[in-house]
C-alpha atoms as a PDB file:
ATOM      1  CA  MET A   1      61.832  21.584  24.920  1.00  0.00           C
ATOM      2  CA  THR A   2      60.131  18.287  24.141  1.00  0.00           C
ATOM      3  CA  GLN A   3      62.616  15.765  25.546  1.00  0.00           C
ATOM      4  CA  LEU A   4      65.054  15.538  28.452  1.00  0.00           C
ATOM      5  CA  ASP A   5      67.689  12.814  28.749  1.00  0.00           C
ATOM      6  CA  LEU A   6      68.373  12.417  32.486  1.00  0.00           C
ATOM      7  CA  VAL A   7      71.431  10.357  33.452  1.00  0.00           C
ATOM      8  CA  ILE A   8      71.743   9.343  37.134  1.00  0.00           C
ATOM      9  CA  PRO A   9      74.305   6.546  37.600  1.00  0.00           C
ATOM     10  CA  GLY A  10      73.605   4.503  40.712  1.00  0.00           C
ATOM     11  CA  LEU A  11      69.935   5.500  41.003  1.00  0.00           C
ATOM     12  CA  CYS A  12      68.878   1.848  40.862  1.00  0.00           C
ATOM     13  CA  GLY A  13      71.938   0.364  42.581  1.00  0.00           C
ATOM     14  CA  PRO A  14      73.316  -2.217  42.581  1.00  0.00           C
ATOM     15  CA  LEU A  15      73.602  -2.476  46.359  1.00  0.00           C
ATOM     16  CA  PRO A  16      74.661  -5.412  48.558  1.00  0.00           C
ATOM     17  CA  ASP A  17      71.418  -5.343  50.539  1.00  0.00           C
ATOM     18  CA  ILE A  18      68.112  -3.680  49.688  1.00  0.00           C
ATOM     19  CA  ASP A  19      66.051  -5.121  52.567  1.00  0.00           C
ATOM     20  CA  ARG A  20      67.006  -2.178  54.805  1.00  0.00           C
ATOM     21  CA  LEU A  21      65.901   0.468  52.316  1.00  0.00           C
ATOM     22  CA  ASP A  22      62.903   2.359  53.593  1.00  0.00           C
ATOM     23  CA  SER A  23      62.172   6.041  53.053  1.00  0.00           C
ATOM     24  CA  GLU A  24      59.400   8.130  51.589  1.00  0.00           C
ATOM     25  CA  SER A  25      61.745   9.303  48.813  1.00  0.00           C
ATOM     26  CA  ILE A  26      62.560   5.742  47.739  1.00  0.00           C
ATOM     27  CA  ARG A  27      58.901   4.711  47.682  1.00  0.00           C
ATOM     28  CA  SER A  28      57.975   7.823  45.701  1.00  0.00           C
ATOM     29  CA  MET A  29      60.818   7.301  43.221  1.00  0.00           C
ATOM     30  CA  VAL A  30      59.801   3.671  42.683  1.00  0.00           C
ATOM     31  CA  SER A  31      56.251   4.850  42.022  1.00  0.00           C
ATOM     32  CA  TRP A  32      57.522   7.089  39.199  1.00  0.00           C
ATOM     33  CA  LEU A  33      59.542   4.214  37.732  1.00  0.00           C
ATOM     34  CA  ALA A  34      56.608   1.809  38.003  1.00  0.00           C
ATOM     35  CA  LYS A  35      54.400   4.084  35.905  1.00  0.00           C
ATOM     36  CA  ALA A  36      57.081   4.664  33.249  1.00  0.00           C
ATOM     37  CA  ASP A  37      57.590   2.818  29.984  1.00  0.00           C
ATOM     38  CA  ARG A  38      60.580   0.535  30.475  1.00  0.00           C
ATOM     39  CA  GLN A  39      63.027  -0.164  27.651  1.00  0.00           C
ATOM     40  CA  ALA A  40      65.959  -2.580  27.910  1.00  0.00           C
ATOM     41  CA  ILE A  41      69.190  -1.210  26.435  1.00  0.00           C
ATOM     42  CA  PRO A  42      72.644  -2.839  26.072  1.00  0.00           C
ATOM     43  CA  GLN A  43      74.444   0.016  27.865  1.00  0.00           C
ATOM     44  CA  LYS A  44      74.936  -1.000  31.516  1.00  0.00           C
ATOM     45  CA  SER A  45      77.533   1.493  32.764  1.00  0.00           C
ATOM     46  CA  PHE A  46      77.798   5.277  33.091  1.00  0.00           C
ATOM     47  CA  TYR A  47      80.440   5.523  30.382  1.00  0.00           C
ATOM     48  CA  ASP A  48      78.527   3.215  28.020  1.00  0.00           C
ATOM     49  CA  VAL A  49      75.433   5.415  28.370  1.00  0.00           C
ATOM     50  CA  LEU A  50      77.487   8.556  27.667  1.00  0.00           C
ATOM     51  CA  ALA A  51      79.033   6.883  24.609  1.00  0.00           C
ATOM     52  CA  MET A  52      75.536   6.071  23.324  1.00  0.00           C
ATOM     53  CA  LEU A  53      74.098   9.538  23.911  1.00  0.00           C
ATOM     54  CA  PHE A  54      77.059  11.245  22.227  1.00  0.00           C
ATOM     55  CA  ALA A  55      77.455   8.550  19.522  1.00  0.00           C
ATOM     56  CA  VAL A  56      81.042   7.718  20.523  1.00  0.00           C
ATOM     57  CA  ASP A  57      82.482   4.652  18.748  1.00  0.00           C
ATOM     58  CA  ASP A  58      81.932   1.820  21.228  1.00  0.00           C
ATOM     59  CA  THR A  59      84.452  -0.450  19.480  1.00  0.00           C
ATOM     60  CA  GLU A  60      87.265   1.660  20.962  1.00  0.00           C
ATOM     61  CA  SER A  61      88.181   2.326  24.592  1.00  0.00           C
ATOM     62  CA  PHE A  62      86.183   5.187  26.080  1.00  0.00           C
ATOM     63  CA  PRO A  63      88.781   8.042  26.282  1.00  0.00           C
ATOM     64  CA  ALA A  64      87.773   9.291  29.739  1.00  0.00           C
ATOM     65  CA  ALA A  65      91.100  10.969  30.482  1.00  0.00           C
ATOM     66  CA  ALA A  66      91.282  12.994  27.266  1.00  0.00           C
ATOM     67  CA  LEU A  67      87.639  14.036  27.624  1.00  0.00           C
ATOM     68  CA  SER A  68      88.113  15.056  31.268  1.00  0.00           C
ATOM     69  CA  LEU A  69      91.037  17.263  30.314  1.00  0.00           C
ATOM     70  CA  LEU A  70      89.143  18.762  27.373  1.00  0.00           C
ATOM     71  CA  GLY A  71      86.277  19.575  29.719  1.00  0.00           C
ATOM     72  CA  CYS A  72      88.533  21.621  31.987  1.00  0.00           C
ATOM     73  CA  GLU A  73      90.683  23.162  29.226  1.00  0.00           C
ATOM     74  CA  GLN A  74      93.822  21.134  30.014  1.00  0.00           C
ATOM     75  CA  TYR A  75      93.897  18.869  26.963  1.00  0.00           C
ATOM     76  CA  THR A  76      96.757  18.775  24.461  1.00  0.00           C
ATOM     77  CA  ASP A  77      96.818  16.465  21.443  1.00  0.00           C
ATOM     78  CA  GLN A  78     100.420  15.340  21.966  1.00  0.00           C
ATOM     79  CA  GLY A  79     100.834  11.743  23.077  1.00  0.00           C
ATOM     80  CA  HIS A  80      98.283   9.457  24.678  1.00  0.00           C
ATOM     81  CA  TRP A  81      96.320  10.231  27.829  1.00  0.00           C
ATOM     82  CA  PHE A  82      95.377   7.946  30.707  1.00  0.00           C
ATOM     83  CA  HIS A  83      93.753   8.586  34.042  1.00  0.00           C
ATOM     84  CA  ALA A  84      96.253   7.701  36.774  1.00  0.00           C
ATOM     85  CA  ASP A  85      94.054   8.457  39.759  1.00  0.00           C
ATOM     86  CA  PRO A  86      95.406   8.497  43.335  1.00  0.00           C
ATOM     87  CA  VAL A  87      94.214   5.505  45.353  1.00  0.00           C
ATOM     88  CA  HIS A  88      94.870   3.601  48.545  1.00  0.00           C
ATOM     89  CA  LEU A  89      95.612  -0.112  48.177  1.00  0.00           C
ATOM     90  CA  GLN A  90      95.076  -2.293  51.235  1.00  0.00           C
ATOM     91  CA  VAL A  91      97.544  -5.058  50.433  1.00  0.00           C
ATOM     92  CA  ASP A  92      97.409  -8.579  51.857  1.00  0.00           C
ATOM     93  CA  MET A  93      99.095 -11.840  50.909  1.00  0.00           C
ATOM     94  CA  ASP A  94      97.014 -12.613  47.822  1.00  0.00           C
ATOM     95  CA  HIS A  95      94.891  -9.527  47.212  1.00  0.00           C
ATOM     96  CA  ALA A  96      94.845  -5.722  47.255  1.00  0.00           C
ATOM     97  CA  ILE A  97      91.598  -3.848  47.898  1.00  0.00           C
ATOM     98  CA  LEU A  98      91.238  -0.396  46.308  1.00  0.00           C
ATOM     99  CA  ARG A  99      89.840   2.789  47.802  1.00  0.00           C
ATOM    100  CA  ASP A 100      89.596   5.728  45.436  1.00  0.00           C
ATOM    101  CA  SER A 101      90.382   9.358  46.269  1.00  0.00           C
ATOM    102  CA  HIS A 102      86.894  10.113  47.635  1.00  0.00           C
ATOM    103  CA  GLY A 103      87.808   8.329  50.851  1.00  0.00           C
ATOM    104  CA  LEU A 104      91.287   9.801  51.220  1.00  0.00           C
ATOM    105  CA  ASP A 105      90.629  13.480  52.021  1.00  0.00           C
ATOM    106  CA  LEU A 106      93.575  14.454  49.824  1.00  0.00           C
ATOM    107  CA  THR A 107      94.473  18.141  50.037  1.00  0.00           C
ATOM    108  CA  LEU A 108      95.512  20.302  47.094  1.00  0.00           C
ATOM    109  CA  PRO A 109      99.105  20.850  48.394  1.00  0.00           C
ATOM    110  CA  GLU A 110      99.477  17.094  49.016  1.00  0.00           C
ATOM    111  CA  SER A 111      98.220  16.260  45.538  1.00  0.00           C
ATOM    112  CA  GLU A 112     100.524  18.820  43.907  1.00  0.00           C
ATOM    113  CA  ALA A 113     103.530  17.515  45.869  1.00  0.00           C
ATOM    114  CA  LEU A 114     102.846  13.864  45.001  1.00  0.00           C
ATOM    115  CA  VAL A 115     102.441  14.661  41.299  1.00  0.00           C
ATOM    116  CA  GLY A 116     105.708  16.618  41.480  1.00  0.00           C
ATOM    117  CA  GLU A 117     107.492  13.594  42.967  1.00  0.00           C
ATOM    118  CA  LEU A 118     106.117  11.344  40.229  1.00  0.00           C
ATOM    119  CA  ASN A 119     107.203  13.733  37.472  1.00  0.00           C
ATOM    120  CA  ALA A 120     110.714  14.054  38.911  1.00  0.00           C
ATOM    121  CA  HIS A 121     111.039  10.260  38.893  1.00  0.00           C
ATOM    122  CA  PHE A 122     109.444   9.436  35.520  1.00  0.00           C
ATOM    123  CA  ASP A 123     110.676  12.385  33.441  1.00  0.00           C
ATOM    124  CA  GLU A 124     113.514  10.398  31.830  1.00  0.00           C
ATOM    125  CA  GLN A 125     111.040   7.675  30.790  1.00  0.00           C
ATOM    126  CA  GLY A 126     108.957  10.146  28.793  1.00  0.00           C
ATOM    127  CA  ILE A 127     106.021   9.943  31.188  1.00  0.00           C
ATOM    128  CA  ARG A 128     104.344  13.093  32.465  1.00  0.00           C
ATOM    129  CA  PHE A 129     101.754  13.283  35.216  1.00  0.00           C
ATOM    130  CA  LEU A 130      99.188  16.087  35.305  1.00  0.00           C
ATOM    131  CA  MET A 131      96.906  17.012  38.195  1.00  0.00           C
ATOM    132  CA  HIS A 132      93.442  17.260  36.681  1.00  0.00           C
ATOM    133  CA  ASN A 133      92.192  18.191  40.139  1.00  0.00           C
ATOM    134  CA  LYS A 134      93.328  17.233  43.632  1.00  0.00           C
ATOM    135  CA  ASP A 135      91.439  13.912  43.465  1.00  0.00           C
ATOM    136  CA  SER A 136      92.178  13.043  39.856  1.00  0.00           C
ATOM    137  CA  TRP A 137      95.479  12.735  38.008  1.00  0.00           C
ATOM    138  CA  CYS A 138      96.277  12.033  34.371  1.00  0.00           C
ATOM    139  CA  LEU A 139      99.301  10.570  32.623  1.00  0.00           C
ATOM    140  CA  ASN A 140     100.721  11.400  29.197  1.00  0.00           C
ATOM    141  CA  ILE A 141     103.042   9.212  27.142  1.00  0.00           C
ATOM    142  CA  SER A 142     103.968   9.015  23.456  1.00  0.00           C
ATOM    143  CA  GLY A 143     103.730   5.225  23.129  1.00  0.00           C
ATOM    144  CA  HIS A 144     102.674   1.962  24.754  1.00  0.00           C
ATOM    145  CA  GLN A 145      99.002   2.651  24.027  1.00  0.00           C
ATOM    146  CA  ASN A 146      98.130  -0.952  23.098  1.00  0.00           C
ATOM    147  CA  VAL A 147      96.434  -1.743  26.378  1.00  0.00           C
ATOM    148  CA  SER A 148      92.935  -2.030  27.793  1.00  0.00           C
ATOM    149  CA  THR A 149      92.068  -1.034  31.341  1.00  0.00           C
ATOM    150  CA  THR A 150      89.165  -1.032  33.794  1.00  0.00           C
ATOM    151  CA  ALA A 151      87.523   2.157  35.089  1.00  0.00           C
ATOM    152  CA  VAL A 152      88.378   2.915  38.703  1.00  0.00           C
ATOM    153  CA  SER A 153      84.649   2.992  39.555  1.00  0.00           C
ATOM    154  CA  GLU A 154      84.436  -0.732  38.738  1.00  0.00           C
ATOM    155  CA  VAL A 155      87.375  -1.645  40.972  1.00  0.00           C
ATOM    156  CA  ILE A 156      86.432   0.210  44.183  1.00  0.00           C
ATOM    157  CA  SER A 157      86.398  -2.161  47.193  1.00  0.00           C
ATOM    158  CA  ARG A 158      87.477  -5.044  44.965  1.00  0.00           C
ATOM    159  CA  ASN A 159      90.654  -7.051  44.496  1.00  0.00           C
ATOM    160  CA  VAL A 160      92.688  -5.111  41.928  1.00  0.00           C
ATOM    161  CA  TYR A 161      94.588  -8.206  40.761  1.00  0.00           C
ATOM    162  CA  ALA A 162      91.500  -9.274  38.796  1.00  0.00           C
ATOM    163  CA  PHE A 163      91.426  -5.943  36.918  1.00  0.00           C
ATOM    164  CA  MET A 164      95.012  -5.293  35.902  1.00  0.00           C
ATOM    165  CA  PRO A 165      95.829  -3.907  32.402  1.00  0.00           C
ATOM    166  CA  GLN A 166      95.438  -6.287  29.482  1.00  0.00           C
ATOM    167  CA  GLY A 167      96.845  -6.313  25.970  1.00  0.00           C
ATOM    168  CA  GLU A 168     100.135  -6.078  24.103  1.00  0.00           C
ATOM    169  CA  ASP A 169     101.620  -3.389  26.382  1.00  0.00           C
ATOM    170  CA  ALA A 170     100.120  -4.710  29.638  1.00  0.00           C
ATOM    171  CA  LEU A 171     103.454  -5.819  31.082  1.00  0.00           C
ATOM    172  CA  PHE A 172     104.914  -2.333  30.594  1.00  0.00           C
ATOM    173  CA  TRP A 173     102.007  -0.697  32.439  1.00  0.00           C
ATOM    174  CA  LYS A 174     102.032  -3.224  35.288  1.00  0.00           C
ATOM    175  CA  LYS A 175     105.702  -2.353  35.770  1.00  0.00           C
ATOM    176  CA  ILE A 176     104.898   1.389  35.812  1.00  0.00           C
ATOM    177  CA  MET A 177     102.088   0.880  38.333  1.00  0.00           C
ATOM    178  CA  ASN A 178     104.427  -1.111  40.594  1.00  0.00           C
ATOM    179  CA  GLU A 179     107.075   1.592  40.254  1.00  0.00           C
ATOM    180  CA  VAL A 180     104.523   4.242  41.248  1.00  0.00           C
ATOM    181  CA  GLN A 181     103.597   2.196  44.321  1.00  0.00           C
ATOM    182  CA  MET A 182     107.206   1.922  45.466  1.00  0.00           C
ATOM    183  CA  LEU A 183     107.807   5.634  44.932  1.00  0.00           C
ATOM    184  CA  LEU A 184     104.673   6.704  46.811  1.00  0.00           C
ATOM    185  CA  HIS A 185     105.429   4.284  49.631  1.00  0.00           C
ATOM    186  CA  GLN A 186     108.615   6.270  50.307  1.00  0.00           C
ATOM    187  CA  SER A 187     107.019   9.707  49.949  1.00  0.00           C
ATOM    188  CA  PRO A 188     107.343  12.068  52.957  1.00  0.00           C
ATOM    189  CA  ILE A 189     103.795  13.230  52.147  1.00  0.00           C
ATOM    190  CA  ASN A 190     102.467   9.762  52.930  1.00  0.00           C
ATOM    191  CA  GLU A 191     104.653   9.451  56.010  1.00  0.00           C
ATOM    192  CA  LYS A 192     103.081  12.630  57.368  1.00  0.00           C
ATOM    193  CA  ARG A 193      99.565  11.460  56.446  1.00  0.00           C
ATOM    194  CA  GLN A 194     100.067   8.232  58.372  1.00  0.00           C
ATOM    195  CA  GLN A 195     101.428  10.116  61.369  1.00  0.00           C
ATOM    196  CA  ASN A 196      98.172  12.107  61.341  1.00  0.00           C
ATOM    197  CA  GLY A 197      96.074   8.932  61.199  1.00  0.00           C
ATOM    198  CA  ARG A 198      95.150   9.224  57.512  1.00  0.00           C
ATOM    199  CA  LEU A 199      95.450   6.579  54.809  1.00  0.00           C
ATOM    200  CA  PRO A 200      98.476   6.919  52.527  1.00  0.00           C
ATOM    201  CA  VAL A 201      98.092   7.496  48.801  1.00  0.00           C
ATOM    202  CA  ASN A 202     100.077   4.426  47.829  1.00  0.00           C
ATOM    203  CA  GLY A 203      99.021   3.824  44.234  1.00  0.00           C
ATOM    204  CA  ALA A 204      97.707   5.322  40.996  1.00  0.00           C
ATOM    205  CA  TRP A 205      94.994   3.448  39.104  1.00  0.00           C
ATOM    206  CA  LEU A 206      95.415   3.484  35.338  1.00  0.00           C
ATOM    207  CA  TRP A 207      92.255   3.745  33.198  1.00  0.00           C
ATOM    208  CA  GLY A 208      90.378   5.756  30.546  1.00  0.00           C
ATOM    209  CA  GLU A 209      93.063   5.525  27.872  1.00  0.00           C
ATOM    210  CA  GLY A 210      92.805   6.897  24.348  1.00  0.00           C
ATOM    211  CA  LYS A 211      92.871   9.943  22.140  1.00  0.00           C
ATOM    212  CA  LEU A 212      89.878  12.172  21.550  1.00  0.00           C
ATOM    213  CA  PRO A 213      87.412  10.730  19.047  1.00  0.00           C
ATOM    214  CA  ALA A 214      86.224  12.729  16.076  1.00  0.00           C
ATOM    215  CA  ARG A 215      83.098  14.817  16.530  1.00  0.00           C
ATOM    216  CA  THR A 216      80.293  12.294  16.398  1.00  0.00           C
ATOM    217  CA  CYS A 217      77.105  13.669  17.955  1.00  0.00           C
ATOM    218  CA  THR A 218      74.662  14.728  15.252  1.00  0.00           C
ATOM    219  CA  GLN A 219      71.726  15.784  17.404  1.00  0.00           C
ATOM    220  CA  GLU A 220      71.441  19.285  18.801  1.00  0.00           C
ATOM    221  CA  MET A 221      71.070  19.367  22.561  1.00  0.00           C
ATOM    222  CA  ALA A 222      71.937  21.546  25.515  1.00  0.00           C
ATOM    223  CA  VAL A 223      74.068  19.851  28.172  1.00  0.00           C
ATOM    224  CA  TYR A 224      73.742  20.479  31.923  1.00  0.00           C
ATOM    225  CA  THR A 225      76.381  18.941  34.172  1.00  0.00           C
ATOM    226  CA  ARG A 226      79.215  19.392  36.655  1.00  0.00           C
ATOM    227  CA  HIS A 227      81.032  16.276  35.420  1.00  0.00           C
ATOM    228  CA  SER A 228      84.250  16.979  33.516  1.00  0.00           C
ATOM    229  CA  ILE A 229      83.883  14.034  31.115  1.00  0.00           C
ATOM    230  CA  VAL A 230      80.414  15.187  30.085  1.00  0.00           C
ATOM    231  CA  LYS A 231      81.714  18.742  29.680  1.00  0.00           C
ATOM    232  CA  GLY A 232      84.447  17.348  27.448  1.00  0.00           C
ATOM    233  CA  LEU A 233      81.904  15.536  25.279  1.00  0.00           C
ATOM    234  CA  ALA A 234      79.934  18.767  24.940  1.00  0.00           C
ATOM    235  CA  VAL A 235      83.055  20.745  23.947  1.00  0.00           C
ATOM    236  CA  LEU A 236      84.057  18.035  21.466  1.00  0.00           C
ATOM    237  CA  ASN A 237      80.682  18.286  19.746  1.00  0.00           C
ATOM    238  CA  ASP A 238      80.312  22.100  19.926  1.00  0.00           C
ATOM    239  CA  LEU A 239      77.276  21.818  22.199  1.00  0.00           C
ATOM    240  CA  ASN A 240      76.210  24.435  24.724  1.00  0.00           C
ATOM    241  CA  CYS A 241      77.229  23.234  28.184  1.00  0.00           C
ATOM    242  CA  HIS A 242      75.920  24.706  31.428  1.00  0.00           C
ATOM    243  CA  SER A 243      77.366  24.062  34.889  1.00  0.00           C
ATOM    244  CA  ILE A 244      74.504  24.034  37.397  1.00  0.00           C
ATOM    245  CA  SER A 245      74.476  23.963  41.184  1.00  0.00           C
ATOM    246  CA  ASN A 246      70.756  23.543  41.908  1.00  0.00           C
ATOM    247  CA  VAL A 247      67.506  22.692  40.194  1.00  0.00           C
ATOM    248  CA  GLN A 248      66.365  26.301  40.000  1.00  0.00           C
ATOM    249  CA  ASP A 249      69.491  27.093  37.956  1.00  0.00           C
ATOM    250  CA  PHE A 250      68.420  24.355  35.583  1.00  0.00           C
ATOM    251  CA  PHE A 251      64.874  25.704  35.263  1.00  0.00           C
ATOM    252  CA  ASP A 252      66.235  29.235  34.724  1.00  0.00           C
ATOM    253  CA  ASP A 253      68.777  28.150  32.085  1.00  0.00           C
ATOM    254  CA  VAL A 254      66.782  25.586  30.155  1.00  0.00           C
ATOM    255  CA  SER A 255      65.300  26.984  26.979  1.00  0.00           C
ATOM    256  CA  ASN A 256      63.264  25.657  24.104  1.00  0.00           C
ATOM    257  CA  GLU A 257      65.819  23.226  22.670  1.00  0.00           C
ATOM    258  CA  SER A 258      64.210  20.101  21.247  1.00  0.00           C
ATOM    259  CA  ASN A 259      66.502  18.009  23.429  1.00  0.00           C
ATOM    260  CA  SER A 260      68.494  18.557  26.611  1.00  0.00           C
ATOM    261  CA  LEU A 261      70.785  16.338  28.657  1.00  0.00           C
ATOM    262  CA  LEU A 262      71.138  16.578  32.436  1.00  0.00           C
ATOM    263  CA  VAL A 263      73.724  14.456  34.259  1.00  0.00           C
ATOM    264  CA  LEU A 264      73.485  14.061  38.054  1.00  0.00           C
ATOM    265  CA  ASP A 265      76.330  11.902  39.355  1.00  0.00           C
ATOM    266  CA  GLY A 266      76.043  12.358  43.133  1.00  0.00           C
ATOM    267  CA  LEU A 267      75.030   8.727  43.721  1.00  0.00           C
ATOM    268  CA  PHE A 268      77.772   7.246  41.549  1.00  0.00           C
ATOM    269  CA  ASN A 269      80.585   6.928  44.069  1.00  0.00           C
ATOM    270  CA  VAL A 270      78.277   6.034  46.974  1.00  0.00           C
ATOM    271  CA  THR A 271      76.924   3.120  44.942  1.00  0.00           C
ATOM    272  CA  CYS A 272      80.444   1.937  44.080  1.00  0.00           C
ATOM    273  CA  TYR A 273      81.243   1.569  47.801  1.00  0.00           C
ATOM    274  CA  GLY A 274      78.031  -0.331  48.511  1.00  0.00           C
ATOM    275  CA  ASP A 275      77.152   1.611  51.666  1.00  0.00           C
ATOM    276  CA  VAL A 276      73.394   1.085  51.790  1.00  0.00           C
ATOM    277  CA  MET A 277      72.568   3.696  54.438  1.00  0.00           C
ATOM    278  CA  ALA A 278      74.833   6.318  52.837  1.00  0.00           C
ATOM    279  CA  TRP A 279      73.142   5.545  49.517  1.00  0.00           C
ATOM    280  CA  GLN A 280      69.681   6.053  51.055  1.00  0.00           C
ATOM    281  CA  LEU A 281      70.647   9.397  52.620  1.00  0.00           C
ATOM    282  CA  THR A 282      72.160  10.595  49.327  1.00  0.00           C
ATOM    283  CA  LEU A 283      69.117   9.392  47.388  1.00  0.00           C
ATOM    284  CA  ASP A 284      66.742  11.180  49.780  1.00  0.00           C
ATOM    285  CA  GLU A 285      68.566  14.461  49.190  1.00  0.00           C
ATOM    286  CA  LEU A 286      68.874  14.003  45.418  1.00  0.00           C
ATOM    287  CA  TYR A 287      65.210  13.086  45.121  1.00  0.00           C
ATOM    288  CA  ALA A 288      63.962  16.061  47.152  1.00  0.00           C
ATOM    289  CA  HIS A 289      66.215  18.673  45.558  1.00  0.00           C
ATOM    290  CA  TRP A 290      66.478  17.392  41.988  1.00  0.00           C
ATOM    291  CA  LEU A 291      64.515  14.389  40.815  1.00  0.00           C
ATOM    292  CA  LEU A 292      61.035  15.148  42.171  1.00  0.00           C
ATOM    293  CA  PRO A 293      61.040  18.820  41.013  1.00  0.00           C
ATOM    294  CA  ILE A 294      62.312  17.843  37.557  1.00  0.00           C
ATOM    295  CA  LEU A 295      59.847  15.006  36.996  1.00  0.00           C
ATOM    296  CA  SER A 296      56.909  17.109  38.240  1.00  0.00           C
ATOM    297  CA  TRP A 297      57.986  20.009  36.000  1.00  0.00           C
ATOM    298  CA  ALA A 298      58.433  17.719  32.987  1.00  0.00           C
ATOM    299  CA  VAL A 299      55.012  16.085  33.328  1.00  0.00           C
ATOM    300  CA  LYS A 300      53.335  19.458  33.819  1.00  0.00           C
ATOM    301  CA  ASN A 301      55.004  20.825  30.663  1.00  0.00           C
ATOM    302  CA  LYS A 302      54.492  17.655  28.589  1.00  0.00           C
ATOM    303  CA  ILE A 303      58.221  16.962  28.316  1.00  0.00           C
ATOM    304  CA  GLN A 304      59.283  13.332  27.938  1.00  0.00           C
ATOM    305  CA  VAL A 305      62.056  12.278  30.307  1.00  0.00           C
ATOM    306  CA  ASN A 306      64.358   9.441  29.279  1.00  0.00           C
ATOM    307  CA  LEU A 307      65.841   8.384  32.620  1.00  0.00           C
ATOM    308  CA  TYR A 308      69.078   6.365  32.499  1.00  0.00           C
ATOM    309  CA  PRO A 309      70.152   4.793  35.834  1.00  0.00           C
ATOM    310  CA  CYS A 310      73.045   3.166  33.903  1.00  0.00           C
ATOM    311  CA  ASN A 311      71.870  -0.384  34.579  1.00  0.00           C
ATOM    312  CA  GLY A 312      70.691  -1.569  31.161  1.00  0.00           C
ATOM    313  CA  VAL A 313      67.269   0.107  31.382  1.00  0.00           C
ATOM    314  CA  CYS A 314      65.813   3.375  30.092  1.00  0.00           C
ATOM    315  CA  TYR A 315      62.680   4.613  31.879  1.00  0.00           C
ATOM    316  CA  GLN A 316      60.499   6.838  29.695  1.00  0.00           C
ATOM    317  CA  ILE A 317      58.429   9.143  31.895  1.00  0.00           C
ATOM    318  CA  SER A 318      55.768  11.419  30.447  1.00  0.00           C
ATOM    319  CA  SER A 319      52.336  12.854  31.094  1.00  0.00           C
ATOM    320  CA  ARG A 320      50.667  10.015  29.205  1.00  0.00           C
ATOM    321  CA  ASN A 321      51.648   7.416  31.816  1.00  0.00           C
ATOM    322  CA  LYS A 322      51.090   9.376  35.024  1.00  0.00           C
ATOM    323  CA  PHE A 323      47.826   7.572  35.831  1.00  0.00           C
ATOM    324  CA  ARG A 324      49.237   4.032  35.916  1.00  0.00           C
ATOM    325  CA  PHE A 325      48.518   3.558  39.605  1.00  0.00           C
ATOM    326  CA  PHE A 326      48.197  -0.215  39.720  1.00  0.00           C
ATOM    327  CA  ARG A 327      51.661  -1.318  38.607  1.00  0.00           C
ATOM    328  CA  ASP A 328      53.954  -3.306  40.903  1.00  0.00           C
ATOM    329  CA  LYS A 329      55.789  -0.899  43.235  1.00  0.00           C
ATOM    330  CA  ARG A 330      58.009  -3.328  45.141  1.00  0.00           C
ATOM    331  CA  ILE A 331      61.487  -1.865  45.671  1.00  0.00           C
ATOM    332  CA  ALA A 332      63.137  -5.108  44.554  1.00  0.00           C
ATOM    333  CA  GLY A 333      61.643  -4.644  41.100  1.00  0.00           C
ATOM    334  CA  TYR A 334      63.582  -1.415  40.509  1.00  0.00           C
ATOM    335  CA  ILE A 335      66.618  -1.242  42.807  1.00  0.00           C
ATOM    336  CA  GLN A 336      69.113  -3.990  42.103  1.00  0.00           C
ATOM    337  CA  THR A 337      71.124  -6.025  44.551  1.00  0.00           C
ATOM    338  CA  TYR A 338      74.339  -7.960  43.935  1.00  0.00           C
ATOM    339  CA  GLU A 339      73.911 -11.210  42.098  1.00  0.00           C
END
């Protein structure tokens, strides 16, 4: 292998406050980035980077729902797919703040029951809900696809009213989302959750609409990931996809392909919530168990790493730049804060 594309959304923030960041892992990571060649790219989100790497048409909505389902062998080509992920909305007079399923501790039986309630209610409207997994739901419908939405990752901890569906069919989908809220508000599942001191699942966030694109990726590469969307992109393009649980699995599985792609998304959700100390703890673990071994291995074996933190920059790390000791290593130059 001569090249590794390494995608780690959230590796460089943004975070609300970087003044408190201080760990050996962070300083070491910044040192690697300081020595790398730095290339500005227009792709500034996780899904934009994936679209670029797999040559997905960026003039259309990124079909996250269809790809997720394809990646876990649940996809059918009938109708149009959306993510309709379970969320908690903290509603006030003029705003509603969203928490996604990662903070809800939703159980499999609860998720199955809630999806069942939604299907019983919406069946006559030609809308079908599908549980992708306990923390992620999808929605299928034969029409009303003329709408654009915002990924749930961009709405976490923000006022949802600024990110509601747009387009010709937006009014229809706003009505459906309101109907879902009213139904879930009355659910006995949520009543029991609240009795046990847990947040209710009182909404479903609509995003990731679209049908599967045609096969687009022309380069041959092996894909290593646990992320269902990335698995779906690999299946779509007939690429070998490996599900890995640790870095040694990666070293054991990787072969002599001219290009490989590794996606590590453990920082993604932590970054979305803006918890600086949780981000640092997650980064410390990711760096020790994944990033440092991979970068050291790549430099030793003269493999170029194209590192994508999904922030509009690609860091190119290789053996030829390992001796650049005198570059600026201030954390603020590499980890972004909110503007």
